[in-house]
Amino acid sequence: MFTAAAESLLRQAREIQAEELKKFCSRVCQLLQKEDLGPDALDALRRLFLIVSATKYNRRLEKTCVDLLQTTLCSPSCPEPLQLLCAAVLREMSPSDSLSLSWEHVQNTRQLGLLASVLLAQGDQKLVRSVGQRVLKVLESRQPEGPSLRHLLPVMSKVASLAPDTLHEDQTSALNKRLVDWLRYASVQQGVAHSSGGFFSTPRARQPGPVTEVDGAVATDFFTVLSTGQHFTEDQWLNVQAFSMLRAWLLHSGPGGPRTPAADDRSELEGSTLSVLSAASTASHLLPPQERLREKAFEYCQRLIEQSNRRALRKADSDLQKACLVEAVLVLDVLCRQDPSFLYRTLSCLRALHTRLCGDPACVRALLPIARFFLTHGEAAAVGAEAVYQHLFTRLPSDHFHSPMLAFEFIQFCRDSLPLFGRNLGILRMSFPNLFKFLAWNSPPLTSEFVVLLPVLLDAGTAVETLHLLLDLPCLTAALDLHLRSSQAASERPLWDVSLRTPGCLEALRDPQFQGLFQHLLRAKASGTPERLAPLHQLLQPLASCARVAQCAEAVPTLLQAFFSAVTQFADGALASQLALLLLERSDSLYQVPGYEARVHRVLSAQFLALCKLHPSLVVEQAKELLEFVGSAGGLRGSGRVLTSVVWAIGEYLSVSWDRRCTVEQINKFFEALEALLFEVTQLRPSVTLPKCPPQVITALMTTLTKLASRSQDLIPRVSLFLSKMRTLAQSTAASSVHSEEDAGAICTRATELLNLLKMPSVAQFVLTPSGEVSEPRYHRDTNTALPLALRTVSRLVEREAGLLPG
């Protein structure tokens, strides 16, 4: 999170206009042309970098300013901070046609690294190859007192990723040899401190001591990134840089990489037990450079795993241990994929590591790459890794849902590992309630990830339970919030904590009456039997105004759209009916977050119609439940969208043309229920139990009643009389107190059109219950055969004033 001051600076940088930027560039130019580049120039360049980087749009700088930035960057006498800022600004402007950088005469490797970073940002493949060859020549040099190489290794790694075919095979082998030296044979003595001179500077005081471990013990093995000291030598810095680029380099140069010959393909060995057990290898110094690098990388990772078990004296070292542990496991994964002979040695090491990390809450992030390792290599190693997955999906989300970094990495792990789950996919699907805890607590950054993940989590067995949990997601957020607060003492909670003002929430968490509901909502696995959580909705209402709950509620409509897009791909008639009834049941049983119900109703109404279109027979099959829904006032909650969709679906699909089981008796029952509802909602004095009815509901009811009457023509006189009354009512002055002039006009127009249509029953049936051919999309695209034309023609024929005569 940014501070208020930082937010203000970012906003100013984004809002700066072109004219203001031009003036500021002039000031930067004046400062860069001075002989003494002081603090003012540094501050101006910082502000310029903020301006060009604070927006995703490219900023245009004056050519004079760009030229001065390049001159300053190439100047050997320019202070390092200014050069760093110049390079950063030029990278942000890339690609640019106004660059004219040249490194031909640059000897300083730090400056060469900055120039290379700007040139690589241009994205020109020819330029990338040129930079790669120049940097490689410097890296191949072996002068002990030569220029520092640590500024160039990141550049080489970037070159390999941008243009993998830049390096020839002999160049790759040469760099492999250098990486082996830097990784395995760095000095184990600390570097010499730079002397400031003076009388008390003696050679004895400057003698370096051995490097130490993170727990303060003297290191007895080779140097790694986790070795500590007061000062570091050049080869120790190269050791750190070599490890930071090791995984990317192994992927570039290993099997499947651009420089790998076809004969090196070992994919057939992956499943071979013989290759797993053959741990003995040739002496390290006799191996080819690429295989020797793998061997040294394996030793390096094993050493890091051993070092990560030490108790660090400083928090920074403790954080570094966790990061290095994750990277070490990822490197081991790459090594075992490239050479299965490492697998046997790695498995025993990672099993022990997993057992140790399960009891250390501070290292939970390292469990993700271990799980991915077992997913990748478990079958080849004939190892059942189900215990690893069970712990991962059961304990981590429940205990660490409030960690944003772990939440993002966990969901990314699920997405990236989907092809690897195979027969273990059931574990992932059954764990969706636990995964939803991450979503409920971190909904803004994870919504797009779950939109992709949802189709994989769904099947016919979990669809209903998943939909219940999606609709209860804001309630889950409130329950998690309460669960987290309950683990804190009252004195530790801030004064604005809602639970301090409403202690009943915390007491209810421990109340046996509600414990079952809380346990169901906070369950780790799918239960198969959804519970009605209405009592919790009321109990957790004081938390509905929390910002985190509101953010979660905003994400639910998007997730519902993704859910239905996926479920309609495999839903049969039984599941579609189940989901349709669930939509109606839950439409008036939602956690009351401001604005949440209206947004959810908008999605539910559209998806109910989509389910009916997918399986039209569900209207006849679920006639009893639909009649009950229409008979209740619950459908009028909010804007009445759900009720409007149900009424429209009844008028559209309650027909013999859609389902042969449809009877006249069913049509008459629906007609009477809808007629009674229309009579109730058109009362001029809305009651507390029956609020004001939106005009869309009224017009939908009138249209559906007319459709049903056209299929059972004994009902035509009743509906005609009702429509006449509706037209009169809409035109009366009393209606103005309930509906606006525009709404009343729409009701009157619809009543008039339907009345005219019913005067010709056979035409009404054709228009309101068209056959399948008439319903084809081409009829609506063709203006000469469109149904609106038929409606206009019928209205013209029955118009009293015109009769059947022209004029």
Foldseek 3Di string as FASTA:
>chain_A
DDDPVVVVLLVCLAPDDLVNQQVLLVVLLVLLPDPDNDPVNLVSLVSLLSNQPSDPDGRDYDLSSLVSLLVLLPDPPHDPSSNQSSLSNLLSNEPDPSDDHDCPPPQALLSLLSVLSSQVSNLDLVSLLVSLVVLLVVVLDDPPPGHQNLSSLVSNLSSCVSPVPSDAPVSLLSVLVVLLCLQAPFDQWFDFDDDPDDDPDDPVVRDTGGWAALQRHGDPGGQAPRTDDDHHDSSNSVNDSSLVSVQSSCVQPFPVHPHDDPVLDPQVCLQPPVLQPPLDDDPLVPDRSSVSSLVSLLVSLLVLLVSLPDDGPDVVSVVVSLVSLLSSLSSLLSSCNRGVSCVNVVVVVLVVVLVVVLPPVVNLLSLLSSVLSCLVRVNSNVHDCVVSLCCNLFPCLLPPLQPLVSLVVVLVSCVVCVVSCVVVLVVVLFQVLSNLSNCLQPVPVCLVSVLVVVLSSDDLQCLVVVVVLLLCSLLLNLLVVLVVVLVDDPVPDDPPDLCVVVVQLNVLCVDPVCVVVSCLSSPRGDPSDDDQCLVSLVSSLSCLAPPSSVSSLVSSLVSLVSSLVSCLVDDDLVSLLVVLLVLLVCLLRGRDRVPSSVSVLVSSLVSNLVSCVSQVCSCVVCVVSLLVSLQALSCQPDQSSNVLSSLLSCLARLDCLRPVPRDLVSLVSVLVSLVVSLVLQPPLDADPRHHHHQLSNNLSSLLSNLSSCLRVVVCLVVSLVVLVVLLVSLPDPSCVVRDPVVSSVVSNVSSLLSNLLSVDSVLSNCLSHNHPVCPDVVQCVDPVRHSVVSSVVSSQCSPVVCHPHDD
